[in-house]
Amino acid sequence: MNRSRRSMLPRSLAALALAFATSFCAVQARGADAGTTTTVTAVGKKNATPPELKRDDIQLFNGKERLQIADWRREDTLRLAILIDDSLDPAVANQWGDLKEFILSQPSSTYIAVAYGRNGAAVIAQDFTKDHELASKALRMPLGSAGAISSPYLAVLDFVKRWPSPGGRNSILFITSGTDYFHPDFNLQNPYLDTAVSHAEKANINIWTVYSPDNFHRGRGFFRVSNAQSLLAKLSEETGAETYSLGFGAPVTLKPYFDEISEHLKNQYLLSFRSDGGKKGKFQHVRVHTEQPGVEFLTFDQVFLPPTQ
């Protein structure tokens, strides 16, 4: 009897190993089949709540070519980072009550981090956690000092480069003046911003921006503020998000912005499609379309097609 059991053991282990290998290969095949995954945010026209969308409701195009959708699904898990420019006028901290409410209102499946942009870096005050009360305690008054002046887009880039393992939904809520003292030209060609956008596109990170003035007189000029807000619009639009501002001054309240961002986060989907990035990977423009009435989409300007294995 014992000899019989011993002889069966190797065969049982072999069968188990084979089943595991088969399952693992199937998972790999599904991952390879999916190719590229990007976050798509559904937006109802005139602030209406968009309807629930199914895979059959969605069409994907590269130019006029229709692409095959491998998967269209909801994803509960979200990594959400609150990035606050430390050069802001400290008076903006009067709005942190609404920001705390925004943090606490997020679903329990959301990981939240809090960081401060200073000297071209994202200084982490609270790493990603599901303890939203703990995350809210990391909120403080911005320094508003000259030592915080640099390029806000370098802080974004620094945070994106240190983002946790890729995959799923990811967002940054960036509260900043958008004023780049390292690149003061009044145009939209900003190398720091463009690099941050490219890295965010690769990592599938939406960047929502909220304008608030910094603490320095030279950052309040008409042309400088106008250019800064245009840069923030470019950063958000090219990463599948939106920017928020009210004129050139400090908003009376940020709550409507936070409420709208929360609504957008509730209406996100992950879209996967088969792709061929070649040996090095490449960026590609895609367009998401639906025949469902009253629905628009926020999408990345480009998606990154990973290298073909």
Protein backbone atom coordinates (compact mmCIF):
# COMPACT_ATOMS: atom_id res chain seq x y z
CA MET A 1 0.00 0.00 0.00
CA ASN A 2 2.78 2.43 0.92
CA ARG A 3 4.71 1.51 -2.26
CA SER A 4 1.60 2.21 -4.31
CA ARG A 5 1.19 5.65 -2.72
CA ARG A 6 4.85 6.52 -3.35
CA SER A 7 4.53 5.51 -7.00
CA MET A 8 1.46 7.71 -7.38
CA LEU A 9 3.14 10.76 -5.86
CA PRO A 10 5.49 11.60 -8.75
CA ARG A 11 2.63 11.24 -11.21
CA SER A 12 0.44 13.51 -9.08
CA LEU A 13 3.17 16.14 -8.88
CA ALA A 14 3.72 15.89 -12.61
CA ALA A 15 0.03 16.38 -13.26
CA LEU A 16 -0.04 19.38 -10.90
CA ALA A 17 2.99 20.92 -12.59
CA LEU A 18 1.43 20.39 -15.99
CA ALA A 19 -1.81 22.02 -14.88
CA PHE A 20 0.09 24.99 -13.44
CA ALA A 21 2.17 25.38 -16.61
CA THR A 22 -0.95 25.22 -18.76
CA SER A 23 -2.68 27.81 -16.61
CA PHE A 24 0.39 30.06 -16.61
CA CYS A 25 0.71 29.85 -20.40
CA ALA A 26 -2.98 30.68 -20.76
CA VAL A 27 -2.54 33.78 -18.59
CA GLN A 28 0.50 34.79 -20.63
CA ALA A 29 -1.42 34.25 -23.84
CA ARG A 30 -4.31 36.39 -22.60
CA GLY A 31 -1.85 39.14 -21.59
CA ALA A 32 -0.08 39.00 -24.93
CA ASP A 33 -3.45 38.89 -26.67
CA ALA A 34 -4.54 42.08 -24.93
CA GLY A 35 -1.42 43.93 -26.12
CA THR A 36 -1.97 47.52 -24.97
CA THR A 37 -4.25 48.68 -22.17
CA THR A 38 -5.34 52.29 -21.72
CA THR A 39 -7.80 54.11 -19.45
CA VAL A 40 -10.87 55.66 -21.07
CA THR A 41 -13.13 58.08 -19.18
CA ALA A 42 -16.76 58.33 -20.29
CA VAL A 43 -18.29 61.81 -19.95
CA GLY A 44 -21.98 62.65 -20.29
CA LYS A 45 -22.84 65.79 -22.23
CA LYS A 46 -24.02 68.78 -20.20
CA ASN A 47 -22.74 67.15 -16.98
CA ALA A 48 -25.18 64.26 -17.27
CA THR A 49 -24.13 60.86 -15.88
CA PRO A 50 -23.08 58.69 -18.83
CA PRO A 51 -24.80 55.33 -19.35
CA GLU A 52 -23.04 52.06 -18.57
CA LEU A 53 -21.11 51.02 -21.67
CA LYS A 54 -20.49 47.49 -22.87
CA ARG A 55 -17.76 46.21 -25.17
CA ASP A 56 -20.19 46.05 -28.09
CA ASP A 57 -20.90 49.77 -27.64
CA ILE A 58 -17.27 50.72 -28.30
CA GLN A 59 -15.32 51.18 -31.53
CA LEU A 60 -11.58 51.88 -31.73
CA PHE A 61 -9.78 53.51 -34.64
CA ASN A 62 -6.26 54.37 -35.75
CA GLY A 63 -7.00 56.97 -38.39
CA LYS A 64 -9.65 55.32 -40.59
CA GLU A 65 -8.54 51.81 -39.67
CA ARG A 66 -10.77 50.06 -37.17
CA LEU A 67 -8.86 48.14 -34.51
CA GLN A 68 -10.00 44.98 -32.78
CA ILE A 69 -10.82 45.44 -29.08
CA ALA A 70 -9.51 42.60 -26.94
CA ASP A 71 -11.13 43.70 -23.69
CA TRP A 72 -13.32 46.47 -22.25
CA ARG A 73 -13.90 46.32 -18.54
CA ARG A 74 -14.42 48.14 -15.28
CA GLU A 75 -11.58 48.15 -12.77
CA ASP A 76 -12.27 48.93 -9.10
CA THR A 77 -8.66 49.45 -8.04
CA LEU A 78 -7.26 52.94 -8.55
CA ARG A 79 -3.93 54.50 -7.58
CA LEU A 80 -4.58 58.19 -6.95
CA ALA A 81 -1.81 60.63 -6.03
CA ILE A 82 -2.41 64.13 -4.69
CA LEU A 83 0.54 66.29 -5.81
CA ILE A 84 0.65 69.82 -4.36
CA ASP A 85 3.02 72.48 -5.66
CA ASP A 86 4.97 73.76 -2.65
CA SER A 87 5.37 77.20 -4.27
CA LEU A 88 1.63 77.93 -3.98
CA ASP A 89 0.25 80.82 -1.99
CA PRO A 90 -0.18 79.28 1.49
CA ALA A 91 -3.73 80.67 1.60
CA VAL A 92 -4.80 77.79 -0.64
CA ALA A 93 -4.62 75.58 2.46
CA ASN A 94 -7.97 77.10 3.44
CA GLN A 95 -9.35 74.76 0.76
CA TRP A 96 -7.86 71.64 2.32
CA GLY A 97 -11.10 70.87 4.12
CA ASP A 98 -12.69 70.21 0.72
CA LEU A 99 -9.59 68.30 -0.39
CA LYS A 100 -9.81 66.10 2.71
CA GLU A 101 -13.49 65.46 1.94
CA PHE A 102 -12.48 64.47 -1.60
CA ILE A 103 -9.91 62.01 -0.24
CA LEU A 104 -12.30 60.48 2.28
CA SER A 105 -15.04 60.12 -0.33
CA GLN A 106 -12.98 57.81 -2.55
CA PRO A 107 -13.97 54.11 -2.67
CA SER A 108 -12.17 51.71 -0.36
CA SER A 109 -10.49 50.12 -3.40
CA THR A 110 -8.55 53.35 -4.04
CA TYR A 111 -4.93 53.69 -2.93
CA ILE A 112 -4.07 57.33 -2.16
CA ALA A 113 -0.69 59.04 -1.85
CA VAL A 114 0.15 62.65 -0.98
CA ALA A 115 3.26 64.46 -2.20
CA TYR A 116 4.62 68.00 -2.54
CA GLY A 117 6.40 69.35 -5.62
CA ARG A 118 9.58 71.10 -4.59
CA ASN A 119 12.87 71.80 -6.39
CA GLY A 120 11.89 69.63 -9.35
CA ALA A 121 11.05 66.58 -7.21
CA ALA A 122 7.96 64.98 -5.74
CA VAL A 123 8.51 64.77 -2.00
CA ILE A 124 6.33 61.95 -0.67
CA ALA A 125 4.46 62.85 2.52
CA GLN A 126 2.32 59.70 2.51
CA ASP A 127 2.90 56.71 0.26
CA PHE A 128 0.00 54.87 -1.38
CA THR A 129 -2.42 53.56 1.22
CA LYS A 130 -6.03 52.43 1.46
CA ASP A 131 -6.24 54.24 4.81
CA HIS A 132 -7.79 57.44 3.50
CA GLU A 133 -7.88 59.08 6.92
CA LEU A 134 -4.13 58.56 7.18
CA ALA A 135 -3.61 60.02 3.70
CA SER A 136 -5.64 63.12 4.57
CA LYS A 137 -3.40 63.78 7.58
CA ALA A 138 -0.49 64.38 5.18
CA LEU A 139 -2.12 67.60 3.95
CA ARG A 140 -0.32 70.75 5.10
CA MET A 141 0.10 74.37 4.11
CA PRO A 142 2.38 74.86 1.06
CA LEU A 143 5.74 76.45 1.87
CA GLY A 144 5.25 79.30 -0.58
CA SER A 145 8.99 79.97 -0.46
CA ALA A 146 11.52 80.78 -3.18
CA GLY A 147 13.22 77.44 -2.52
CA ALA A 148 10.21 75.68 -4.05
CA ILE A 149 10.54 77.50 -7.38
CA SER A 150 11.56 75.34 -10.35
CA SER A 151 9.53 73.58 -13.02
CA PRO A 152 6.35 71.95 -11.73
CA TYR A 153 6.56 69.50 -14.62
CA LEU A 154 9.83 68.09 -13.32
CA ALA A 155 8.01 67.18 -10.10
CA VAL A 156 5.34 65.39 -12.15
CA LEU A 157 8.02 63.56 -14.13
CA ASP A 158 9.80 62.54 -10.93
CA PHE A 159 6.60 61.11 -9.47
CA VAL A 160 5.67 59.25 -12.66
CA LYS A 161 9.13 57.69 -12.88
CA ARG A 162 8.75 56.36 -9.32
CA TRP A 163 5.18 55.11 -9.80
CA PRO A 164 4.41 51.60 -8.48
CA SER A 165 4.26 48.66 -10.87
CA PRO A 166 2.27 49.58 -13.99
CA GLY A 167 -1.19 48.34 -14.78
CA GLY A 168 -4.77 49.24 -13.89
CA ARG A 169 -6.11 52.75 -13.41
CA ASN A 170 -3.78 55.52 -12.27
CA SER A 171 -4.36 59.23 -11.68
CA ILE A 172 -2.53 62.28 -10.36
CA LEU A 173 -4.44 65.30 -9.03
CA PHE A 174 -1.93 68.13 -9.43
CA ILE A 175 -2.66 71.48 -7.71
CA THR A 176 -0.23 74.05 -9.09
CA SER A 177 0.21 77.44 -10.71
CA GLY A 178 1.73 75.73 -13.74
CA THR A 179 4.38 78.46 -13.91
CA ASP A 180 7.70 77.09 -15.14
CA TYR A 181 10.56 79.27 -13.91
CA PHE A 182 13.11 76.97 -15.56
CA HIS A 183 11.53 77.44 -18.98
CA PRO A 184 9.99 80.94 -19.02
CA ASP A 185 9.23 81.15 -22.78
CA PHE A 186 5.64 82.09 -23.53
CA ASN A 187 4.76 79.13 -25.75
CA LEU A 188 3.55 75.55 -25.45
CA GLN A 189 6.86 73.95 -26.40
CA ASN A 190 8.05 72.89 -22.97
CA PRO A 191 10.54 69.99 -22.87
CA TYR A 192 9.84 69.15 -19.22
CA LEU A 193 6.09 68.95 -19.82
CA ASP A 194 6.49 66.93 -23.03
CA THR A 195 8.74 64.41 -21.27
CA ALA A 196 6.28 64.12 -18.37
CA VAL A 197 3.43 63.49 -20.82
CA SER A 198 5.38 60.75 -22.64
CA HIS A 199 6.17 58.95 -19.39
CA ALA A 200 2.56 59.29 -18.19
CA GLU A 201 1.28 57.86 -21.47
CA LYS A 202 3.61 54.88 -21.11
CA ALA A 203 2.49 54.29 -17.52
CA ASN A 204 -1.24 54.91 -18.22
CA ILE A 205 -1.48 57.77 -15.70
CA ASN A 206 -4.18 60.45 -16.09
CA ILE A 207 -3.09 63.87 -14.78
CA TRP A 208 -5.90 66.14 -13.56
CA THR A 209 -4.73 69.73 -12.96
CA VAL A 210 -6.18 72.46 -10.78
CA TYR A 211 -4.81 75.99 -11.16
CA SER A 212 -3.99 78.02 -8.08
CA PRO A 213 -1.61 81.05 -7.95
CA ASP A 214 1.88 80.74 -6.54
CA ASN A 215 3.25 83.02 -3.84
CA PHE A 216 5.38 85.27 -6.05
CA HIS A 217 4.59 88.57 -7.73
CA ARG A 218 6.34 87.74 -11.00
CA GLY A 219 4.13 84.69 -11.38
CA ARG A 220 0.96 86.85 -11.47
CA GLY A 221 1.49 88.66 -14.80
CA PHE A 222 -1.18 88.25 -17.48
CA PHE A 223 0.99 86.57 -20.11
CA ARG A 224 2.75 84.32 -17.60
CA VAL A 225 -0.51 83.09 -16.06
CA SER A 226 -2.15 82.66 -19.45
CA ASN A 227 0.77 80.57 -20.68
CA ALA A 228 0.85 78.54 -17.44
CA GLN A 229 -2.84 77.66 -17.71
CA SER A 230 -2.35 76.68 -21.36
CA LEU A 231 0.48 74.36 -20.32
CA LEU A 232 -1.72 72.79 -17.67
CA ALA A 233 -4.46 72.26 -20.25
CA LYS A 234 -1.94 70.55 -22.53
CA LEU A 235 -0.68 68.32 -19.70
CA SER A 236 -4.19 67.17 -18.77
CA GLU A 237 -5.67 66.85 -22.24
CA GLU A 238 -2.76 64.79 -23.56
CA THR A 239 -3.00 62.42 -20.60
CA GLY A 240 -6.75 61.81 -20.91
CA ALA A 241 -7.85 64.15 -18.12
CA GLU A 242 -9.12 67.72 -17.62
CA THR A 243 -7.79 70.99 -16.23
CA TYR A 244 -9.66 73.38 -13.93
CA SER A 245 -9.27 77.12 -13.40
CA LEU A 246 -11.39 80.21 -12.89
CA GLY A 247 -9.77 83.29 -14.36
CA PHE A 248 -6.27 84.24 -13.24
CA GLY A 249 -6.91 84.46 -9.52
CA ALA A 250 -7.43 81.95 -6.75
CA PRO A 251 -10.79 80.15 -6.98
CA VAL A 252 -13.24 80.95 -4.21
CA THR A 253 -13.67 77.21 -3.72
CA LEU A 254 -12.11 74.10 -5.22
CA LYS A 255 -14.97 71.81 -4.21
CA PRO A 256 -16.76 71.83 -7.61
CA TYR A 257 -13.49 70.74 -9.24
CA PHE A 258 -12.96 67.90 -6.79
CA ASP A 259 -16.59 66.78 -7.20
CA GLU A 260 -16.27 66.68 -10.98
CA ILE A 261 -13.00 64.73 -10.84
CA SER A 262 -14.65 62.22 -8.49
CA GLU A 263 -17.46 61.79 -11.00
CA HIS A 264 -14.97 61.20 -13.81
CA LEU A 265 -13.13 58.58 -11.77
CA LYS A 266 -16.41 56.70 -11.31
CA ASN A 267 -16.85 56.43 -15.07
CA GLN A 268 -13.56 54.94 -16.18
CA TYR A 269 -12.90 51.79 -18.18
CA LEU A 270 -9.83 49.85 -19.19
CA LEU A 271 -9.63 49.24 -22.92
CA SER A 272 -7.22 46.60 -24.25
CA PHE A 273 -6.38 46.00 -27.89
CA ARG A 274 -3.93 43.96 -29.90
CA SER A 275 -0.88 45.94 -30.93
CA ASP A 276 2.52 45.66 -32.51
CA GLY A 277 5.11 47.98 -31.04
CA GLY A 278 7.99 46.50 -33.01
CA LYS A 279 11.32 45.86 -31.38
CA LYS A 280 11.48 49.09 -29.34
CA GLY A 281 7.83 49.99 -28.82
CA LYS A 282 6.17 53.09 -30.23
CA PHE A 283 3.45 55.66 -29.65
CA GLN A 284 0.23 55.57 -31.66
CA HIS A 285 -2.82 57.82 -31.91
CA VAL A 286 -6.13 56.05 -31.40
CA ARG A 287 -9.72 57.26 -31.28
CA VAL A 288 -12.53 55.78 -29.20
CA HIS A 289 -16.08 56.06 -30.56
CA THR A 290 -19.56 54.97 -29.54
CA GLU A 291 -23.00 55.19 -31.11
CA GLN A 292 -24.51 55.70 -27.67
CA PRO A 293 -26.03 59.21 -27.60
CA GLY A 294 -24.78 61.89 -25.24
CA VAL A 295 -21.42 60.27 -24.49
CA GLU A 296 -17.94 61.65 -25.03
CA PHE A 297 -14.55 60.25 -24.04
CA LEU A 298 -11.42 61.53 -22.35
CA THR A 299 -8.49 59.58 -23.78
CA PHE A 300 -4.72 59.85 -23.99
CA ASP A 301 -3.42 61.82 -26.97
CA GLN A 302 -1.24 58.77 -27.73
CA VAL A 303 -0.99 55.26 -26.33
CA PHE A 304 2.26 53.37 -26.03
CA LEU A 305 2.53 50.07 -27.85
CA PRO A 306 5.04 47.93 -25.92
CA PRO A 307 7.82 46.07 -27.75
CA THR A 308 6.68 42.87 -29.40
CA GLN A 309 8.11 39.90 -27.55
